Amino acid sequence: MAIHLENLVETIKSKVRLLKKSKKPYIKMDKSSSVKVEIRRHKARMLIDKTLKAADRPGKTCVS
């Protein structure tokens, strides 16, 4: 029984090693110009919202 268990463990270990070796590293893609524009637009919108929120409360300062 112990021999069967050892064989099973060795088989699993070898399969795991093969899986780790067979993975190909992914290629990181650059952002397209439309995605970059969308990110800038989103950041600008957040800044405008923050500024308007602070302007609505003239006596208080906006912390975050």
PDB file of N, CA and C in Angstrom:
ATOM      1  N   MET A   1       0.829  -1.198   0.000  1.00  0.00           N
ATOM      2  CA  MET A   1       0.000   0.000   0.000  1.00  0.00           C
ATOM      3  C   MET A   1       0.868   1.255   0.000  1.00  0.00           C
ATOM      4  N   ALA A   2       1.925   1.262   0.790  1.00  0.00           N
ATOM      5  CA  ALA A   2       2.799   2.422   0.885  1.00  0.00           C
ATOM      6  C   ALA A   2       3.507   2.674  -0.437  1.00  0.00           C
ATOM      7  N   ILE A   3       3.854   1.607  -1.152  1.00  0.00           N
ATOM      8  CA  ILE A   3       4.530   1.751  -2.441  1.00  0.00           C
ATOM      9  C   ILE A   3       3.595   2.410  -3.451  1.00  0.00           C
ATOM     10  N   HIS A   4       2.330   2.027  -3.426  1.00  0.00           N
ATOM     11  CA  HIS A   4       1.351   2.634  -4.333  1.00  0.00           C
ATOM     12  C   HIS A   4       1.192   4.121  -4.040  1.00  0.00           C
ATOM     13  N   LEU A   5       1.179   4.443  -2.757  1.00  0.00           N
ATOM     14  CA  LEU A   5       1.047   5.837  -2.361  1.00  0.00           C
ATOM     15  C   LEU A   5       2.264   6.647  -2.801  1.00  0.00           C
ATOM     16  N   GLU A   6       3.456   6.081  -2.644  1.00  0.00           N
ATOM     17  CA  GLU A   6       4.676   6.764  -3.072  1.00  0.00           C
ATOM     18  C   GLU A   6       4.673   6.983  -4.582  1.00  0.00           C
ATOM     19  N   ASN A   7       4.243   5.971  -5.330  1.00  0.00           N
ATOM     20  CA  ASN A   7       4.167   6.100  -6.793  1.00  0.00           C
ATOM     21  C   ASN A   7       3.173   7.192  -7.190  1.00  0.00           C
ATOM     22  N   LEU A   8       2.065   7.233  -6.498  1.00  0.00           N
ATOM     23  CA  LEU A   8       1.050   8.250  -6.784  1.00  0.00           C
ATOM     24  C   LEU A   8       1.601   9.651  -6.517  1.00  0.00           C
ATOM     25  N   VAL A   9       2.284   9.814  -5.401  1.00  0.00           N
ATOM     26  CA  VAL A   9       2.860  11.112  -5.050  1.00  0.00           C
ATOM     27  C   VAL A   9       3.899  11.526  -6.083  1.00  0.00           C
ATOM     28  N   GLU A  10       4.752  10.609  -6.489  1.00  0.00           N
ATOM     29  CA  GLU A  10       5.767  10.910  -7.496  1.00  0.00           C
ATOM     30  C   GLU A  10       5.123  11.287  -8.833  1.00  0.00           C
ATOM     31  N   THR A  11       4.071  10.602  -9.191  1.00  0.00           N
ATOM     32  CA  THR A  11       3.368  10.913 -10.444  1.00  0.00           C
ATOM     33  C   THR A  11       2.783  12.323 -10.396  1.00  0.00           C
ATOM     34  N   ILE A  12       2.167  12.649  -9.289  1.00  0.00           N
ATOM     35  CA  ILE A  12       1.573  13.981  -9.143  1.00  0.00           C
ATOM     36  C   ILE A  12       2.663  15.050  -9.181  1.00  0.00           C
ATOM     37  N   LYS A  13       3.778  14.814  -8.494  1.00  0.00           N
ATOM     38  CA  LYS A  13       4.881  15.780  -8.490  1.00  0.00           C
ATOM     39  C   LYS A  13       5.419  16.007  -9.894  1.00  0.00           C
ATOM     40  N   SER A  14       5.582  14.935 -10.656  1.00  0.00           N
ATOM     41  CA  SER A  14       6.119  15.087 -12.012  1.00  0.00           C
ATOM     42  C   SER A  14       5.146  15.841 -12.911  1.00  0.00           C
ATOM     43  N   LYS A  15       3.850  15.591 -12.742  1.00  0.00           N
ATOM     44  CA  LYS A  15       2.851  16.303 -13.549  1.00  0.00           C
ATOM     45  C   LYS A  15       2.823  17.791 -13.198  1.00  0.00           C
ATOM     46  N   VAL A  16       2.969  18.100 -11.923  1.00  0.00           N
ATOM     47  CA  VAL A  16       2.992  19.504 -11.502  1.00  0.00           C
ATOM     48  C   VAL A  16       4.217  20.196 -12.076  1.00  0.00           C
ATOM     49  N   ARG A  17       5.378  19.518 -12.044  1.00  0.00           N
ATOM     50  CA  ARG A  17       6.595  20.100 -12.619  1.00  0.00           C
ATOM     51  C   ARG A  17       6.410  20.368 -14.110  1.00  0.00           C
ATOM     52  N   LEU A  18       5.796  19.444 -14.820  1.00  0.00           N
ATOM     53  CA  LEU A  18       5.561  19.630 -16.250  1.00  0.00           C
ATOM     54  C   LEU A  18       4.625  20.805 -16.510  1.00  0.00           C
ATOM     55  N   LEU A  19       3.604  20.950 -15.676  1.00  0.00           N
ATOM     56  CA  LEU A  19       2.679  22.074 -15.852  1.00  0.00           C
ATOM     57  C   LEU A  19       3.373  23.400 -15.623  1.00  0.00           C
ATOM     58  N   LYS A  20       4.246  23.456 -14.625  1.00  0.00           N
ATOM     59  CA  LYS A  20       4.958  24.694 -14.342  1.00  0.00           C
ATOM     60  C   LYS A  20       5.896  25.058 -15.482  1.00  0.00           C
ATOM     61  N   LYS A  21       6.536  24.085 -16.079  1.00  0.00           N
ATOM     62  CA  LYS A  21       7.483  24.350 -17.155  1.00  0.00           C
ATOM     63  C   LYS A  21       6.776  24.716 -18.459  1.00  0.00           C
ATOM     64  N   SER A  22       5.593  24.196 -18.683  1.00  0.00           N
ATOM     65  CA  SER A  22       4.923  24.392 -19.967  1.00  0.00           C
ATOM     66  C   SER A  22       4.242  25.754 -20.097  1.00  0.00           C
ATOM     67  N   LYS A  23       4.093  26.469 -18.985  1.00  0.00           N
ATOM     68  CA  LYS A  23       3.426  27.772 -19.064  1.00  0.00           C
ATOM     69  C   LYS A  23       4.310  28.763 -19.795  1.00  0.00           C
ATOM     70  N   LYS A  24       3.736  29.447 -20.730  1.00  0.00           N
ATOM     71  CA  LYS A  24       4.457  30.485 -21.459  1.00  0.00           C
ATOM     72  C   LYS A  24       4.186  31.821 -20.786  1.00  0.00           C
ATOM     73  N   PRO A  25       5.200  32.644 -20.652  1.00  0.00           N
ATOM     74  CA  PRO A  25       4.958  33.954 -20.038  1.00  0.00           C
ATOM     75  C   PRO A  25       4.069  34.804 -20.954  1.00  0.00           C
ATOM     76  N   TYR A  26       3.205  35.567 -20.341  1.00  0.00           N
ATOM     77  CA  TYR A  26       2.307  36.400 -21.137  1.00  0.00           C
ATOM     78  C   TYR A  26       3.062  37.624 -21.640  1.00  0.00           C
ATOM     79  N   ILE A  27       2.570  38.175 -22.711  1.00  0.00           N
ATOM     80  CA  ILE A  27       3.161  39.376 -23.290  1.00  0.00           C
ATOM     81  C   ILE A  27       2.304  40.559 -22.857  1.00  0.00           C
ATOM     82  N   LYS A  28       2.934  41.507 -22.176  1.00  0.00           N
ATOM     83  CA  LYS A  28       2.197  42.675 -21.720  1.00  0.00           C
ATOM     84  C   LYS A  28       1.949  43.591 -22.902  1.00  0.00           C
ATOM     85  N   MET A  29       0.688  43.916 -23.107  1.00  0.00           N
ATOM     86  CA  MET A  29       0.325  44.763 -24.238  1.00  0.00           C
ATOM     87  C   MET A  29       0.282  46.226 -23.795  1.00  0.00           C
ATOM     88  N   ASP A  30       0.654  47.096 -24.695  1.00  0.00           N
ATOM     89  CA  ASP A  30       0.574  48.523 -24.421  1.00  0.00           C
ATOM     90  C   ASP A  30      -0.874  48.977 -24.531  1.00  0.00           C
ATOM     91  N   LYS A  31      -1.181  50.041 -23.809  1.00  0.00           N
ATOM     92  CA  LYS A  31      -2.528  50.587 -23.878  1.00  0.00           C
ATOM     93  C   LYS A  31      -2.698  51.308 -25.210  1.00  0.00           C
ATOM     94  N   SER A  32      -3.865  51.159 -25.791  1.00  0.00           N
ATOM     95  CA  SER A  32      -4.136  51.860 -27.034  1.00  0.00           C
ATOM     96  C   SER A  32      -4.400  53.328 -26.725  1.00  0.00           C
ATOM     97  N   SER A  33      -4.358  54.135 -27.753  1.00  0.00           N
ATOM     98  CA  SER A  33      -4.555  55.572 -27.547  1.00  0.00           C
ATOM     99  C   SER A  33      -5.963  55.869 -27.024  1.00  0.00           C
ATOM    100  N   SER A  34      -6.950  55.091 -27.454  1.00  0.00           N
ATOM    101  CA  SER A  34      -8.310  55.339 -26.979  1.00  0.00           C
ATOM    102  C   SER A  34      -8.441  55.014 -25.493  1.00  0.00           C
ATOM    103  N   VAL A  35      -7.734  53.994 -25.042  1.00  0.00           N
ATOM    104  CA  VAL A  35      -7.773  53.653 -23.617  1.00  0.00           C
ATOM    105  C   VAL A  35      -7.074  54.747 -22.811  1.00  0.00           C
ATOM    106  N   LYS A  36      -5.951  55.260 -23.329  1.00  0.00           N
ATOM    107  CA  LYS A  36      -5.241  56.336 -22.636  1.00  0.00           C
ATOM    108  C   LYS A  36      -6.125  57.577 -22.514  1.00  0.00           C
ATOM    109  N   VAL A  37      -6.853  57.903 -23.578  1.00  0.00           N
ATOM    110  CA  VAL A  37      -7.759  59.053 -23.557  1.00  0.00           C
ATOM    111  C   VAL A  37      -8.863  58.822 -22.537  1.00  0.00           C
ATOM    112  N   GLU A  38      -9.382  57.610 -22.482  1.00  0.00           N
ATOM    113  CA  GLU A  38     -10.447  57.281 -21.534  1.00  0.00           C
ATOM    114  C   GLU A  38      -9.953  57.407 -20.091  1.00  0.00           C
ATOM    115  N   ILE A  39      -8.722  56.981 -19.827  1.00  0.00           N
ATOM    116  CA  ILE A  39      -8.158  57.094 -18.484  1.00  0.00           C
ATOM    117  C   ILE A  39      -7.998  58.561 -18.104  1.00  0.00           C
ATOM    118  N   ARG A  40      -7.477  59.370 -19.031  1.00  0.00           N
ATOM    119  CA  ARG A  40      -7.322  60.812 -18.757  1.00  0.00           C
ATOM    120  C   ARG A  40      -8.663  61.476 -18.522  1.00  0.00           C
ATOM    121  N   ARG A  41      -9.662  61.092 -19.308  1.00  0.00           N
ATOM    122  CA  ARG A  41     -10.998  61.661 -19.161  1.00  0.00           C
ATOM    123  C   ARG A  41     -11.574  61.311 -17.794  1.00  0.00           C
ATOM    124  N   HIS A  42     -11.375  60.067 -17.374  1.00  0.00           N
ATOM    125  CA  HIS A  42     -11.893  59.626 -16.078  1.00  0.00           C
ATOM    126  C   HIS A  42     -11.209  60.381 -14.933  1.00  0.00           C
ATOM    127  N   LYS A  43      -9.889  60.541 -15.008  1.00  0.00           N
ATOM    128  CA  LYS A  43      -9.159  61.274 -13.971  1.00  0.00           C
ATOM    129  C   LYS A  43      -9.587  62.731 -13.925  1.00  0.00           C
ATOM    130  N   ALA A  44      -9.794  63.335 -15.096  1.00  0.00           N
ATOM    131  CA  ALA A  44     -10.244  64.730 -15.156  1.00  0.00           C
ATOM    132  C   ALA A  44     -11.631  64.866 -14.545  1.00  0.00           C
ATOM    133  N   ARG A  45     -12.509  63.897 -14.834  1.00  0.00           N
ATOM    134  CA  ARG A  45     -13.870  63.935 -14.284  1.00  0.00           C
ATOM    135  C   ARG A  45     -13.841  63.839 -12.772  1.00  0.00           C
ATOM    136  N   MET A  46     -12.968  62.984 -12.243  1.00  0.00           N
ATOM    137  CA  MET A  46     -12.845  62.840 -10.786  1.00  0.00           C
ATOM    138  C   MET A  46     -12.343  64.139 -10.158  1.00  0.00           C
ATOM    139  N   LEU A  47     -11.372  64.800 -10.802  1.00  0.00           N
ATOM    140  CA  LEU A  47     -10.842  66.061 -10.294  1.00  0.00           C
ATOM    141  C   LEU A  47     -11.905  67.152 -10.318  1.00  0.00           C
ATOM    142  N   ILE A  48     -12.687  67.201 -11.386  1.00  0.00           N
ATOM    143  CA  ILE A  48     -13.770  68.192 -11.488  1.00  0.00           C
ATOM    144  C   ILE A  48     -14.803  67.949 -10.397  1.00  0.00           C
ATOM    145  N   ASP A  49     -15.183  66.679 -10.191  1.00  0.00           N
ATOM    146  CA  ASP A  49     -16.163  66.368  -9.148  1.00  0.00           C
ATOM    147  C   ASP A  49     -15.655  66.757  -7.768  1.00  0.00           C
ATOM    148  N   LYS A  50     -14.378  66.494  -7.511  1.00  0.00           N
ATOM    149  CA  LYS A  50     -13.776  66.841  -6.227  1.00  0.00           C
ATOM    150  C   LYS A  50     -13.767  68.359  -6.039  1.00  0.00           C
ATOM    151  N   THR A  51     -13.433  69.076  -7.097  1.00  0.00           N
ATOM    152  CA  THR A  51     -13.386  70.539  -7.028  1.00  0.00           C
ATOM    153  C   THR A  51     -14.778  71.118  -6.794  1.00  0.00           C
ATOM    154  N   LEU A  52     -15.776  70.597  -7.492  1.00  0.00           N
ATOM    155  CA  LEU A  52     -17.146  71.085  -7.308  1.00  0.00           C
ATOM    156  C   LEU A  52     -17.666  70.768  -5.912  1.00  0.00           C
ATOM    157  N   LYS A  53     -17.296  69.602  -5.400  1.00  0.00           N
ATOM    158  CA  LYS A  53     -17.723  69.233  -4.056  1.00  0.00           C
ATOM    159  C   LYS A  53     -17.116  70.195  -3.037  1.00  0.00           C
ATOM    160  N   ALA A  54     -15.848  70.551  -3.218  1.00  0.00           N
ATOM    161  CA  ALA A  54     -15.195  71.499  -2.315  1.00  0.00           C
ATOM    162  C   ALA A  54     -15.792  72.889  -2.477  1.00  0.00           C
ATOM    163  N   ALA A  55     -16.175  73.269  -3.694  1.00  0.00           N
ATOM    164  CA  ALA A  55     -16.745  74.592  -3.936  1.00  0.00           C
ATOM    165  C   ALA A  55     -18.135  74.725  -3.317  1.00  0.00           C
ATOM    166  N   ASP A  56     -18.854  73.612  -3.188  1.00  0.00           N
ATOM    167  CA  ASP A  56     -20.180  73.640  -2.581  1.00  0.00           C
ATOM    168  C   ASP A  56     -20.109  73.857  -1.070  1.00  0.00           C
ATOM    169  N   ARG A  57     -18.938  73.635  -0.485  1.00  0.00           N
ATOM    170  CA  ARG A  57     -18.748  73.821   0.953  1.00  0.00           C
ATOM    171  C   ARG A  57     -17.637  74.857   1.173  1.00  0.00           C
ATOM    172  N   PRO A  58     -17.944  76.143   0.993  1.00  0.00           N
ATOM    173  CA  PRO A  58     -16.886  77.168   1.027  1.00  0.00           C
ATOM    174  C   PRO A  58     -16.191  77.313   2.372  1.00  0.00           C
ATOM    175  N   GLY A  59     -16.844  77.018   3.483  1.00  0.00           N
ATOM    176  CA  GLY A  59     -16.210  77.196   4.794  1.00  0.00           C
ATOM    177  C   GLY A  59     -15.349  76.016   5.203  1.00  0.00           C
ATOM    178  N   LYS A  60     -15.481  74.897   4.533  1.00  0.00           N
ATOM    179  CA  LYS A  60     -14.775  73.673   4.906  1.00  0.00           C
ATOM    180  C   LYS A  60     -13.712  73.349   3.853  1.00  0.00           C
ATOM    181  N   THR A  61     -12.698  72.633   4.260  1.00  0.00           N
ATOM    182  CA  THR A  61     -11.701  72.180   3.314  1.00  0.00           C
ATOM    183  C   THR A  61     -11.960  70.705   3.001  1.00  0.00           C
ATOM    184  N   CYS A  62     -11.720  70.329   1.788  1.00  0.00           N
ATOM    185  CA  CYS A  62     -11.919  68.942   1.375  1.00  0.00           C
ATOM    186  C   CYS A  62     -10.640  68.172   1.662  1.00  0.00           C
ATOM    187  N   VAL A  63     -10.710  67.171   2.509  1.00  0.00           N
ATOM    188  CA  VAL A  63      -9.521  66.440   2.940  1.00  0.00           C
ATOM    189  C   VAL A  63      -9.054  65.467   1.876  1.00  0.00           C
ATOM    190  N   SER A  64      -9.939  64.645   1.326  1.00  0.00           N
ATOM    191  CA  SER A  64      -9.470  63.649   0.355  1.00  0.00           C
ATOM    192  C   SER A  64     -10.084  63.812  -0.991  1.00  0.00           C
TER     193      SER A  64
END
